Amino acid sequence: VETKSGDSIRFKLQPKSKWRQAPFVGYRRIKDTGGRVTERPAILITIEVGGTSFEAEVCLVDRSAMRHRLILGRQVIAKRFLIDVSQTFLHPLPSKAAQPAQATSTVDYHS
């Protein structure tokens, strides 16, 4: 995260990626896997899963040492999807041509 000015925040998804900008919605207190509570900046983004698009609030944190860049929490998934824990990777990755054009309120996690 570089700067927060007014209603938006500027950040990078990876050290060598482009700067992104998204609507800033505030700071959230998050408990990590070790039980430590930290305050993280939260942004509003559009997420698409299996052809379904929706807006969701996500917190920014350095996940470079972790396996997954983004984890969707229970509240984001609730009332939208039914999870079959016996299955994995049921939806194919979208082709680059099928991805929407870059917008300041949309974060491209493939870059």
PDB file of N, CA and C in Angstrom:
ATOM      1  N   VAL A   1       0.863  -1.168   0.000  1.00  0.00           N
ATOM      2  CA  VAL A   1       0.000   0.000   0.000  1.00  0.00           C
ATOM      3  C   VAL A   1       0.903   1.223   0.000  1.00  0.00           C
ATOM      4  N   GLU A   2       0.630   2.125  -0.935  1.00  0.00           N
ATOM      5  CA  GLU A   2       1.446   3.334  -1.006  1.00  0.00           C
ATOM      6  C   GLU A   2       0.770   4.502  -0.298  1.00  0.00           C
ATOM      7  N   THR A   3      -0.375   4.890  -0.794  1.00  0.00           N
ATOM      8  CA  THR A   3      -1.037   6.064  -0.225  1.00  0.00           C
ATOM      9  C   THR A   3      -2.536   5.856  -0.131  1.00  0.00           C
ATOM     10  N   LYS A   4      -3.108   6.548   0.811  1.00  0.00           N
ATOM     11  CA  LYS A   4      -4.563   6.620   0.925  1.00  0.00           C
ATOM     12  C   LYS A   4      -4.906   8.095   0.817  1.00  0.00           C
ATOM     13  N   SER A   5      -5.624   8.452  -0.209  1.00  0.00           N
ATOM     14  CA  SER A   5      -6.013   9.850  -0.352  1.00  0.00           C
ATOM     15  C   SER A   5      -7.518   9.925  -0.576  1.00  0.00           C
ATOM     16  N   GLY A   6      -8.195  10.567   0.341  1.00  0.00           N
ATOM     17  CA  GLY A   6      -9.640  10.704   0.210  1.00  0.00           C
ATOM     18  C   GLY A   6     -10.350   9.373   0.249  1.00  0.00           C
ATOM     19  N   ASP A   7     -11.062   9.077  -0.827  1.00  0.00           N
ATOM     20  CA  ASP A   7     -11.882   7.873  -0.880  1.00  0.00           C
ATOM     21  C   ASP A   7     -11.220   6.713  -1.606  1.00  0.00           C
ATOM     22  N   SER A   8      -9.933   6.824  -1.952  1.00  0.00           N
ATOM     23  CA  SER A   8      -9.282   5.724  -2.670  1.00  0.00           C
ATOM     24  C   SER A   8      -7.929   5.405  -2.051  1.00  0.00           C
ATOM     25  N   ILE A   9      -7.416   4.235  -2.398  1.00  0.00           N
ATOM     26  CA  ILE A   9      -6.127   3.768  -1.893  1.00  0.00           C
ATOM     27  C   ILE A   9      -5.342   3.188  -3.060  1.00  0.00           C
ATOM     28  N   ARG A  10      -4.036   3.390  -3.044  1.00  0.00           N
ATOM     29  CA  ARG A  10      -3.153   2.923  -4.115  1.00  0.00           C
ATOM     30  C   ARG A  10      -2.272   1.809  -3.570  1.00  0.00           C
ATOM     31  N   PHE A  11      -2.126   0.711  -4.339  1.00  0.00           N
ATOM     32  CA  PHE A  11      -1.398  -0.460  -3.857  1.00  0.00           C
ATOM     33  C   PHE A  11      -0.883  -1.271  -5.033  1.00  0.00           C
ATOM     34  N   LYS A  12       0.045  -2.200  -4.731  1.00  0.00           N
ATOM     35  CA  LYS A  12       0.549  -3.152  -5.724  1.00  0.00           C
ATOM     36  C   LYS A  12       0.170  -4.554  -5.268  1.00  0.00           C
ATOM     37  N   LEU A  13      -0.131  -5.416  -6.244  1.00  0.00           N
ATOM     38  CA  LEU A  13      -0.453  -6.801  -5.923  1.00  0.00           C
ATOM     39  C   LEU A  13       0.810  -7.633  -5.775  1.00  0.00           C
ATOM     40  N   GLN A  14       1.841  -7.286  -6.514  1.00  0.00           N
ATOM     41  CA  GLN A  14       3.143  -7.944  -6.458  1.00  0.00           C
ATOM     42  C   GLN A  14       4.197  -6.854  -6.589  1.00  0.00           C
ATOM     43  N   PRO A  15       5.429  -7.111  -6.119  1.00  0.00           N
ATOM     44  CA  PRO A  15       6.456  -6.066  -6.184  1.00  0.00           C
ATOM     45  C   PRO A  15       6.678  -5.474  -7.576  1.00  0.00           C
ATOM     46  N   LYS A  16       6.616  -6.276  -8.634  1.00  0.00           N
ATOM     47  CA  LYS A  16       6.890  -5.777  -9.982  1.00  0.00           C
ATOM     48  C   LYS A  16       5.629  -5.444 -10.776  1.00  0.00           C
ATOM     49  N   SER A  17       4.463  -5.539 -10.165  1.00  0.00           N
ATOM     50  CA  SER A  17       3.219  -5.264 -10.893  1.00  0.00           C
ATOM     51  C   SER A  17       2.923  -3.765 -10.925  1.00  0.00           C
ATOM     52  N   LYS A  18       1.921  -3.408 -11.719  1.00  0.00           N
ATOM     53  CA  LYS A  18       1.497  -2.011 -11.832  1.00  0.00           C
ATOM     54  C   LYS A  18       0.804  -1.567 -10.543  1.00  0.00           C
ATOM     55  N   TRP A  19       0.833  -0.256 -10.311  1.00  0.00           N
ATOM     56  CA  TRP A  19       0.065   0.297  -9.203  1.00  0.00           C
ATOM     57  C   TRP A  19      -1.419   0.196  -9.533  1.00  0.00           C
ATOM     58  N   ARG A  20      -2.224  -0.138  -8.537  1.00  0.00           N
ATOM     59  CA  ARG A  20      -3.680  -0.233  -8.679  1.00  0.00           C
ATOM     60  C   ARG A  20      -4.325   0.790  -7.756  1.00  0.00           C
ATOM     61  N   GLN A  21      -5.536   1.140  -8.058  1.00  0.00           N
ATOM     62  CA  GLN A  21      -6.283   2.060  -7.204  1.00  0.00           C
ATOM     63  C   GLN A  21      -7.690   1.508  -7.041  1.00  0.00           C
ATOM     64  N   ALA A  22      -8.218   1.585  -5.817  1.00  0.00           N
ATOM     65  CA  ALA A  22      -9.559   1.074  -5.544  1.00  0.00           C
ATOM     66  C   ALA A  22     -10.208   1.934  -4.467  1.00  0.00           C
ATOM     67  N   PRO A  23     -11.537   1.899  -4.385  1.00  0.00           N
ATOM     68  CA  PRO A  23     -12.225   2.652  -3.335  1.00  0.00           C
ATOM     69  C   PRO A  23     -11.824   2.156  -1.940  1.00  0.00           C
ATOM     70  N   PHE A  24     -11.415   3.072  -1.075  1.00  0.00           N
ATOM     71  CA  PHE A  24     -11.049   2.760   0.309  1.00  0.00           C
ATOM     72  C   PHE A  24     -12.308   2.831   1.156  1.00  0.00           C
ATOM     73  N   VAL A  25     -12.567   1.767   1.942  1.00  0.00           N
ATOM     74  CA  VAL A  25     -13.781   1.756   2.761  1.00  0.00           C
ATOM     75  C   VAL A  25     -13.493   1.839   4.255  1.00  0.00           C
ATOM     76  N   GLY A  26     -12.227   1.783   4.642  1.00  0.00           N
ATOM     77  CA  GLY A  26     -11.875   1.907   6.057  1.00  0.00           C
ATOM     78  C   GLY A  26     -10.879   0.852   6.486  1.00  0.00           C
ATOM     79  N   TYR A  27     -10.579   0.847   7.771  1.00  0.00           N
ATOM     80  CA  TYR A  27      -9.680  -0.158   8.337  1.00  0.00           C
ATOM     81  C   TYR A  27     -10.508  -1.211   9.065  1.00  0.00           C
ATOM     82  N   ARG A  28     -10.085  -2.468   8.962  1.00  0.00           N
ATOM     83  CA  ARG A  28     -10.778  -3.576   9.617  1.00  0.00           C
ATOM     84  C   ARG A  28      -9.811  -4.306  10.543  1.00  0.00           C
ATOM     85  N   ARG A  29     -10.317  -4.702  11.697  1.00  0.00           N
ATOM     86  CA  ARG A  29      -9.509  -5.491  12.639  1.00  0.00           C
ATOM     87  C   ARG A  29      -9.655  -6.954  12.244  1.00  0.00           C
ATOM     88  N   ILE A  30      -8.525  -7.586  11.931  1.00  0.00           N
ATOM     89  CA  ILE A  30      -8.505  -8.963  11.441  1.00  0.00           C
ATOM     90  C   ILE A  30      -7.627  -9.808  12.355  1.00  0.00           C
ATOM     91  N   LYS A  31      -8.113 -11.004  12.700  1.00  0.00           N
ATOM     92  CA  LYS A  31      -7.314 -11.942  13.487  1.00  0.00           C
ATOM     93  C   LYS A  31      -6.652 -12.916  12.521  1.00  0.00           C
ATOM     94  N   ASP A  32      -5.310 -12.989  12.545  1.00  0.00           N
ATOM     95  CA  ASP A  32      -4.598 -13.889  11.633  1.00  0.00           C
ATOM     96  C   ASP A  32      -4.590 -15.305  12.188  1.00  0.00           C
ATOM     97  N   THR A  33      -3.965 -16.235  11.452  1.00  0.00           N
ATOM     98  CA  THR A  33      -3.966 -17.645  11.860  1.00  0.00           C
ATOM     99  C   THR A  33      -3.232 -17.870  13.174  1.00  0.00           C
ATOM    100  N   GLY A  34      -2.353 -16.955  13.554  1.00  0.00           N
ATOM    101  CA  GLY A  34      -1.644 -17.064  14.829  1.00  0.00           C
ATOM    102  C   GLY A  34      -2.399 -16.437  15.987  1.00  0.00           C
ATOM    103  N   GLY A  35      -3.591 -15.883  15.711  1.00  0.00           N
ATOM    104  CA  GLY A  35      -4.397 -15.278  16.752  1.00  0.00           C
ATOM    105  C   GLY A  35      -4.089 -13.811  17.011  1.00  0.00           C
ATOM    106  N   ARG A  36      -3.159 -13.233  16.252  1.00  0.00           N
ATOM    107  CA  ARG A  36      -2.807 -11.823  16.410  1.00  0.00           C
ATOM    108  C   ARG A  36      -3.822 -10.949  15.677  1.00  0.00           C
ATOM    109  N   VAL A  37      -4.225  -9.855  16.310  1.00  0.00           N
ATOM    110  CA  VAL A  37      -5.172  -8.924  15.697  1.00  0.00           C
ATOM    111  C   VAL A  37      -4.391  -7.770  15.079  1.00  0.00           C
ATOM    112  N   THR A  38      -4.681  -7.486  13.804  1.00  0.00           N
ATOM    113  CA  THR A  38      -4.046  -6.365  13.113  1.00  0.00           C
ATOM    114  C   THR A  38      -5.132  -5.534  12.441  1.00  0.00           C
ATOM    115  N   GLU A  39      -4.808  -4.276  12.170  1.00  0.00           N
ATOM    116  CA  GLU A  39      -5.713  -3.419  11.404  1.00  0.00           C
ATOM    117  C   GLU A  39      -5.224  -3.385   9.970  1.00  0.00           C
ATOM    118  N   ARG A  40      -6.129  -3.655   9.038  1.00  0.00           N
ATOM    119  CA  ARG A  40      -5.772  -3.685   7.619  1.00  0.00           C
ATOM    120  C   ARG A  40      -6.692  -2.765   6.833  1.00  0.00           C
ATOM    121  N   PRO A  41      -6.148  -2.121   5.791  1.00  0.00           N
ATOM    122  CA  PRO A  41      -7.008  -1.299   4.943  1.00  0.00           C
ATOM    123  C   PRO A  41      -7.943  -2.189   4.132  1.00  0.00           C
ATOM    124  N   ALA A  42      -9.185  -1.767   4.001  1.00  0.00           N
ATOM    125  CA  ALA A  42     -10.177  -2.531   3.237  1.00  0.00           C
ATOM    126  C   ALA A  42     -10.564  -1.744   1.991  1.00  0.00           C
ATOM    127  N   ILE A  43     -10.765  -2.479   0.888  1.00  0.00           N
ATOM    128  CA  ILE A  43     -11.175  -1.878  -0.378  1.00  0.00           C
ATOM    129  C   ILE A  43     -12.417  -2.589  -0.887  1.00  0.00           C
ATOM    130  N   LEU A  44     -13.084  -1.962  -1.831  1.00  0.00           N
ATOM    131  CA  LEU A  44     -14.253  -2.551  -2.469  1.00  0.00           C
ATOM    132  C   LEU A  44     -13.869  -2.918  -3.891  1.00  0.00           C
ATOM    133  N   ILE A  45     -14.035  -4.193  -4.253  1.00  0.00           N
ATOM    134  CA  ILE A  45     -13.688  -4.652  -5.597  1.00  0.00           C
ATOM    135  C   ILE A  45     -14.834  -5.472  -6.176  1.00  0.00           C
ATOM    136  N   THR A  46     -14.786  -5.663  -7.492  1.00  0.00           N
ATOM    137  CA  THR A  46     -15.719  -6.553  -8.168  1.00  0.00           C
ATOM    138  C   THR A  46     -15.022  -7.889  -8.359  1.00  0.00           C
ATOM    139  N   ILE A  47     -15.676  -8.953  -7.925  1.00  0.00           N
ATOM    140  CA  ILE A  47     -15.132 -10.307  -8.036  1.00  0.00           C
ATOM    141  C   ILE A  47     -16.038 -11.097  -8.965  1.00  0.00           C
ATOM    142  N   GLU A  48     -15.439 -11.926  -9.823  1.00  0.00           N
ATOM    143  CA  GLU A  48     -16.225 -12.821 -10.667  1.00  0.00           C
ATOM    144  C   GLU A  48     -15.811 -14.251 -10.369  1.00  0.00           C
ATOM    145  N   VAL A  49     -16.796 -15.071 -10.032  1.00  0.00           N
ATOM    146  CA  VAL A  49     -16.574 -16.492  -9.750  1.00  0.00           C
ATOM    147  C   VAL A  49     -17.573 -17.283 -10.572  1.00  0.00           C
ATOM    148  N   GLY A  50     -17.087 -18.117 -11.472  1.00  0.00           N
ATOM    149  CA  GLY A  50     -17.966 -18.972 -12.261  1.00  0.00           C
ATOM    150  C   GLY A  50     -19.035 -18.223 -13.021  1.00  0.00           C
ATOM    151  N   GLY A  51     -18.708 -17.051 -13.539  1.00  0.00           N
ATOM    152  CA  GLY A  51     -19.662 -16.274 -14.313  1.00  0.00           C
ATOM    153  C   GLY A  51     -20.569 -15.376 -13.489  1.00  0.00           C
ATOM    154  N   THR A  52     -20.446 -15.413 -12.166  1.00  0.00           N
ATOM    155  CA  THR A  52     -21.229 -14.561 -11.280  1.00  0.00           C
ATOM    156  C   THR A  52     -20.353 -13.426 -10.776  1.00  0.00           C
ATOM    157  N   SER A  53     -20.766 -12.178 -11.028  1.00  0.00           N
ATOM    158  CA  SER A  53     -20.015 -11.009 -10.562  1.00  0.00           C
ATOM    159  C   SER A  53     -20.724 -10.377  -9.376  1.00  0.00           C
ATOM    160  N   PHE A  54     -19.941  -9.899  -8.414  1.00  0.00           N
ATOM    161  CA  PHE A  54     -20.497  -9.215  -7.254  1.00  0.00           C
ATOM    162  C   PHE A  54     -19.416  -8.340  -6.634  1.00  0.00           C
ATOM    163  N   GLU A  55     -19.859  -7.310  -5.912  1.00  0.00           N
ATOM    164  CA  GLU A  55     -18.918  -6.453  -5.203  1.00  0.00           C
ATOM    165  C   GLU A  55     -18.662  -7.040  -3.826  1.00  0.00           C
ATOM    166  N   ALA A  56     -17.411  -6.935  -3.381  1.00  0.00           N
ATOM    167  CA  ALA A  56     -17.050  -7.451  -2.067  1.00  0.00           C
ATOM    168  C   ALA A  56     -15.978  -6.573  -1.445  1.00  0.00           C
ATOM    169  N   GLU A  57     -16.001  -6.514  -0.140  1.00  0.00           N
ATOM    170  CA  GLU A  57     -14.976  -5.799   0.605  1.00  0.00           C
ATOM    171  C   GLU A  57     -13.855  -6.782   0.914  1.00  0.00           C
ATOM    172  N   VAL A  58     -12.619  -6.398   0.606  1.00  0.00           N
ATOM    173  CA  VAL A  58     -11.464  -7.239   0.914  1.00  0.00           C
ATOM    174  C   VAL A  58     -10.408  -6.390   1.611  1.00  0.00           C
ATOM    175  N   CYS A  59      -9.618  -7.038   2.456  1.00  0.00           N
ATOM    176  CA  CYS A  59      -8.545  -6.350   3.166  1.00  0.00           C
ATOM    177  C   CYS A  59      -7.230  -6.559   2.434  1.00  0.00           C
ATOM    178  N   LEU A  60      -6.410  -5.520   2.427  1.00  0.00           N
ATOM    179  CA  LEU A  60      -5.101  -5.596   1.792  1.00  0.00           C
ATOM    180  C   LEU A  60      -4.065  -6.043   2.814  1.00  0.00           C
ATOM    181  N   VAL A  61      -3.287  -7.048   2.429  1.00  0.00           N
ATOM    182  CA  VAL A  61      -2.206  -7.555   3.274  1.00  0.00           C
ATOM    183  C   VAL A  61      -1.184  -8.201   2.352  1.00  0.00           C
ATOM    184  N   ASP A  62       0.079  -8.191   2.733  1.00  0.00           N
ATOM    185  CA  ASP A  62       1.131  -8.812   1.928  1.00  0.00           C
ATOM    186  C   ASP A  62       0.983 -10.330   2.000  1.00  0.00           C
ATOM    187  N   ARG A  63       0.598 -10.954   0.888  1.00  0.00           N
ATOM    188  CA  ARG A  63       0.421 -12.404   0.827  1.00  0.00           C
ATOM    189  C   ARG A  63       1.491 -13.046  -0.051  1.00  0.00           C
ATOM    190  N   SER A  64       2.608 -12.347  -0.273  1.00  0.00           N
ATOM    191  CA  SER A  64       3.645 -12.846  -1.177  1.00  0.00           C
ATOM    192  C   SER A  64       4.252 -14.168  -0.715  1.00  0.00           C
ATOM    193  N   ALA A  65       4.260 -14.435   0.565  1.00  0.00           N
ATOM    194  CA  ALA A  65       4.826 -15.685   1.067  1.00  0.00           C
ATOM    195  C   ALA A  65       3.765 -16.772   1.228  1.00  0.00           C
ATOM    196  N   MET A  66       2.546 -16.486   0.810  1.00  0.00           N
ATOM    197  CA  MET A  66       1.453 -17.437   0.988  1.00  0.00           C
ATOM    198  C   MET A  66       1.045 -18.064  -0.339  1.00  0.00           C
ATOM    199  N   ARG A  67       0.389 -19.194  -0.270  1.00  0.00           N
ATOM    200  CA  ARG A  67       0.013 -19.946  -1.466  1.00  0.00           C
ATOM    201  C   ARG A  67      -1.046 -19.226  -2.305  1.00  0.00           C
ATOM    202  N   HIS A  68      -2.023 -18.605  -1.663  1.00  0.00           N
ATOM    203  CA  HIS A  68      -3.130 -17.969  -2.377  1.00  0.00           C
ATOM    204  C   HIS A  68      -3.075 -16.458  -2.196  1.00  0.00           C
ATOM    205  N   ARG A  69      -3.257 -15.709  -3.294  1.00  0.00           N
ATOM    206  CA  ARG A  69      -3.220 -14.245  -3.238  1.00  0.00           C
ATOM    207  C   ARG A  69      -4.477 -13.659  -2.623  1.00  0.00           C
ATOM    208  N   LEU A  70      -5.580 -14.376  -2.721  1.00  0.00           N
ATOM    209  CA  LEU A  70      -6.853 -13.884  -2.202  1.00  0.00           C
ATOM    210  C   LEU A  70      -7.628 -15.053  -1.620  1.00  0.00           C
ATOM    211  N   ILE A  71      -8.195 -14.835  -0.452  1.00  0.00           N
ATOM    212  CA  ILE A  71      -9.059 -15.836   0.166  1.00  0.00           C
ATOM    213  C   ILE A  71     -10.431 -15.198   0.339  1.00  0.00           C
ATOM    214  N   LEU A  72     -11.454 -15.866  -0.161  1.00  0.00           N
ATOM    215  CA  LEU A  72     -12.824 -15.382   0.029  1.00  0.00           C
ATOM    216  C   LEU A  72     -13.344 -15.938   1.348  1.00  0.00           C
ATOM    217  N   GLY A  73     -13.775 -15.055   2.216  1.00  0.00           N
ATOM    218  CA  GLY A  73     -14.261 -15.466   3.527  1.00  0.00           C
ATOM    219  C   GLY A  73     -15.693 -15.958   3.502  1.00  0.00           C
ATOM    220  N   ARG A  74     -16.124 -16.487   4.633  1.00  0.00           N
ATOM    221  CA  ARG A  74     -17.483 -17.031   4.759  1.00  0.00           C
ATOM    222  C   ARG A  74     -18.552 -15.999   4.439  1.00  0.00           C
ATOM    223  N   GLN A  75     -18.364 -14.754   4.889  1.00  0.00           N
ATOM    224  CA  GLN A  75     -19.389 -13.732   4.663  1.00  0.00           C
ATOM    225  C   GLN A  75     -19.516 -13.380   3.185  1.00  0.00           C
ATOM    226  N   VAL A  76     -18.415 -13.436   2.442  1.00  0.00           N
ATOM    227  CA  VAL A  76     -18.463 -13.146   1.002  1.00  0.00           C
ATOM    228  C   VAL A  76     -19.165 -14.282   0.261  1.00  0.00           C
ATOM    229  N   ILE A  77     -18.924 -15.507   0.690  1.00  0.00           N
ATOM    230  CA  ILE A  77     -19.484 -16.688   0.026  1.00  0.00           C
ATOM    231  C   ILE A  77     -20.949 -16.922   0.413  1.00  0.00           C
ATOM    232  N   ALA A  78     -21.303 -16.579   1.644  1.00  0.00           N
ATOM    233  CA  ALA A  78     -22.646 -16.860   2.168  1.00  0.00           C
ATOM    234  C   ALA A  78     -23.739 -16.322   1.254  1.00  0.00           C
ATOM    235  N   LYS A  79     -24.759 -17.115   1.047  1.00  0.00           N
ATOM    236  CA  LYS A  79     -25.951 -16.788   0.244  1.00  0.00           C
ATOM    237  C   LYS A  79     -25.641 -16.579  -1.235  1.00  0.00           C
ATOM    238  N   ARG A  80     -24.410 -16.841  -1.653  1.00  0.00           N
ATOM    239  CA  ARG A  80     -24.066 -16.725  -3.072  1.00  0.00           C
ATOM    240  C   ARG A  80     -23.718 -18.082  -3.678  1.00  0.00           C
ATOM    241  N   PHE A  81     -23.030 -18.920  -2.900  1.00  0.00           N
ATOM    242  CA  PHE A  81     -22.514 -20.168  -3.441  1.00  0.00           C
ATOM    243  C   PHE A  81     -22.717 -21.308  -2.462  1.00  0.00           C
ATOM    244  N   LEU A  82     -22.787 -22.510  -3.009  1.00  0.00           N
ATOM    245  CA  LEU A  82     -22.777 -23.729  -2.218  1.00  0.00           C
ATOM    246  C   LEU A  82     -21.427 -24.383  -2.478  1.00  0.00           C
ATOM    247  N   ILE A  83     -20.664 -24.637  -1.445  1.00  0.00           N
ATOM    248  CA  ILE A  83     -19.313 -25.167  -1.587  1.00  0.00           C
ATOM    249  C   ILE A  83     -19.327 -26.679  -1.404  1.00  0.00           C
ATOM    250  N   ASP A  84     -18.806 -27.390  -2.398  1.00  0.00           N
ATOM    251  CA  ASP A  84     -18.623 -28.839  -2.319  1.00  0.00           C
ATOM    252  C   ASP A  84     -17.153 -29.076  -2.001  1.00  0.00           C
ATOM    253  N   VAL A  85     -16.856 -29.371  -0.738  1.00  0.00           N
ATOM    254  CA  VAL A  85     -15.460 -29.502  -0.308  1.00  0.00           C
ATOM    255  C   VAL A  85     -14.761 -30.731  -0.885  1.00  0.00           C
ATOM    256  N   SER A  86     -15.518 -31.629  -1.516  1.00  0.00           N
ATOM    257  CA  SER A  86     -14.898 -32.811  -2.122  1.00  0.00           C
ATOM    258  C   SER A  86     -14.386 -32.523  -3.533  1.00  0.00           C
ATOM    259  N   GLN A  87     -14.660 -31.326  -4.063  1.00  0.00           N
ATOM    260  CA  GLN A  87     -14.262 -30.959  -5.423  1.00  0.00           C
ATOM    261  C   GLN A  87     -13.300 -29.769  -5.393  1.00  0.00           C
ATOM    262  N   THR A  88     -12.462 -29.663  -6.432  1.00  0.00           N
ATOM    263  CA  THR A  88     -11.571 -28.511  -6.567  1.00  0.00           C
ATOM    264  C   THR A  88     -11.523 -28.067  -8.020  1.00  0.00           C
ATOM    265  N   PHE A  89     -11.267 -26.783  -8.236  1.00  0.00           N
ATOM    266  CA  PHE A  89     -11.057 -26.203  -9.561  1.00  0.00           C
ATOM    267  C   PHE A  89     -12.127 -26.624 -10.572  1.00  0.00           C
ATOM    268  N   LEU A  90     -13.391 -26.403 -10.242  1.00  0.00           N
ATOM    269  CA  LEU A  90     -14.495 -26.798 -11.112  1.00  0.00           C
ATOM    270  C   LEU A  90     -14.702 -25.844 -12.279  1.00  0.00           C
ATOM    271  N   HIS A  91     -14.283 -24.586 -12.137  1.00  0.00           N
ATOM    272  CA  HIS A  91     -14.454 -23.597 -13.203  1.00  0.00           C
ATOM    273  C   HIS A  91     -13.121 -23.349 -13.889  1.00  0.00           C
ATOM    274  N   PRO A  92     -13.116 -23.310 -15.223  1.00  0.00           N
ATOM    275  CA  PRO A  92     -11.857 -23.023 -15.926  1.00  0.00           C
ATOM    276  C   PRO A  92     -11.455 -21.566 -15.723  1.00  0.00           C
ATOM    277  N   LEU A  93     -10.155 -21.281 -15.838  1.00  0.00           N
ATOM    278  CA  LEU A  93      -9.681 -19.902 -15.785  1.00  0.00           C
ATOM    279  C   LEU A  93     -10.172 -19.165 -17.014  1.00  0.00           C
ATOM    280  N   PRO A  94     -10.564 -17.908 -16.880  1.00  0.00           N
ATOM    281  CA  PRO A  94     -11.006 -17.153 -18.061  1.00  0.00           C
ATOM    282  C   PRO A  94      -9.822 -16.869 -18.975  1.00  0.00           C
ATOM    283  N   SER A  95     -10.097 -16.811 -20.271  1.00  0.00           N
ATOM    284  CA  SER A  95      -9.037 -16.452 -21.213  1.00  0.00           C
ATOM    285  C   SER A  95      -8.753 -14.973 -21.060  1.00  0.00           C
ATOM    286  N   LYS A  96      -7.564 -14.535 -21.464  1.00  0.00           N
ATOM    287  CA  LYS A  96      -7.211 -13.112 -21.386  1.00  0.00           C
ATOM    288  C   LYS A  96      -8.196 -12.270 -22.195  1.00  0.00           C
ATOM    289  N   ALA A  97      -8.669 -12.784 -23.329  1.00  0.00           N
ATOM    290  CA  ALA A  97      -9.606 -12.043 -24.178  1.00  0.00           C
ATOM    291  C   ALA A  97     -10.954 -11.858 -23.487  1.00  0.00           C
ATOM    292  N   ALA A  98     -11.341 -12.792 -22.629  1.00  0.00           N
ATOM    293  CA  ALA A  98     -12.642 -12.736 -21.972  1.00  0.00           C
ATOM    294  C   ALA A  98     -12.634 -11.857 -20.728  1.00  0.00           C
ATOM    295  N   GLN A  99     -11.455 -11.437 -20.259  1.00  0.00           N
ATOM    296  CA  GLN A  99     -11.381 -10.626 -19.054  1.00  0.00           C
ATOM    297  C   GLN A  99     -11.795  -9.195 -19.354  1.00  0.00           C
ATOM    298  N   PRO A 100     -12.466  -8.541 -18.399  1.00  0.00           N
ATOM    299  CA  PRO A 100     -12.919  -7.165 -18.632  1.00  0.00           C
ATOM    300  C   PRO A 100     -11.751  -6.200 -18.721  1.00  0.00           C
ATOM    301  N   ALA A 101     -11.997  -5.063 -19.356  1.00  0.00           N
ATOM    302  CA  ALA A 101     -10.974  -4.021 -19.447  1.00  0.00           C
ATOM    303  C   ALA A 101     -10.639  -3.520 -18.053  1.00  0.00           C
ATOM    304  N   GLN A 102      -9.393  -3.092 -17.856  1.00  0.00           N
ATOM    305  CA  GLN A 102      -8.937  -2.604 -16.558  1.00  0.00           C
ATOM    306  C   GLN A 102      -9.692  -1.337 -16.164  1.00  0.00           C
ATOM    307  N   ALA A 103     -10.235  -1.328 -14.967  1.00  0.00           N
ATOM    308  CA  ALA A 103     -10.899  -0.142 -14.433  1.00  0.00           C
ATOM    309  C   ALA A 103     -10.305   0.150 -13.065  1.00  0.00           C
ATOM    310  N   THR A 104     -10.402   1.373 -12.598  1.00  0.00           N
ATOM    311  CA  THR A 104      -9.774   1.707 -11.319  1.00  0.00           C
ATOM    312  C   THR A 104     -10.432   1.003 -10.143  1.00  0.00           C
ATOM    313  N   SER A 105     -11.688   0.580 -10.277  1.00  0.00           N
ATOM    314  CA  SER A 105     -12.343  -0.090  -9.164  1.00  0.00           C
ATOM    315  C   SER A 105     -12.330  -1.606  -9.310  1.00  0.00           C
ATOM    316  N   THR A 106     -11.686  -2.113 -10.349  1.00  0.00           N
ATOM    317  CA  THR A 106     -11.582  -3.552 -10.554  1.00  0.00           C
ATOM    318  C   THR A 106     -10.126  -3.955 -10.417  1.00  0.00           C
ATOM    319  N   VAL A 107      -9.856  -4.970  -9.637  1.00  0.00           N
ATOM    320  CA  VAL A 107      -8.491  -5.423  -9.422  1.00  0.00           C
ATOM    321  C   VAL A 107      -8.270  -6.699 -10.202  1.00  0.00           C
ATOM    322  N   ASP A 108      -7.233  -6.728 -11.038  1.00  0.00           N
ATOM    323  CA  ASP A 108      -6.879  -7.900 -11.836  1.00  0.00           C
ATOM    324  C   ASP A 108      -5.828  -8.688 -11.075  1.00  0.00           C
ATOM    325  N   TYR A 109      -6.210  -9.815 -10.489  1.00  0.00           N
ATOM    326  CA  TYR A 109      -5.286 -10.602  -9.681  1.00  0.00           C
ATOM    327  C   TYR A 109      -4.378 -11.491 -10.514  1.00  0.00           C
ATOM    328  N   HIS A 110      -4.491 -11.441 -11.848  1.00  0.00           N
ATOM    329  CA  HIS A 110      -3.635 -12.251 -12.709  1.00  0.00           C
ATOM    330  C   HIS A 110      -2.378 -11.508 -13.126  1.00  0.00           C
ATOM    331  N   SER A 111      -2.251 -10.221 -12.834  1.00  0.00           N
ATOM    332  CA  SER A 111      -1.088  -9.418 -13.249  1.00  0.00           C
ATOM    333  C   SER A 111       0.015  -9.499 -12.237  1.00  0.00           C
TER     334      SER A 111
END
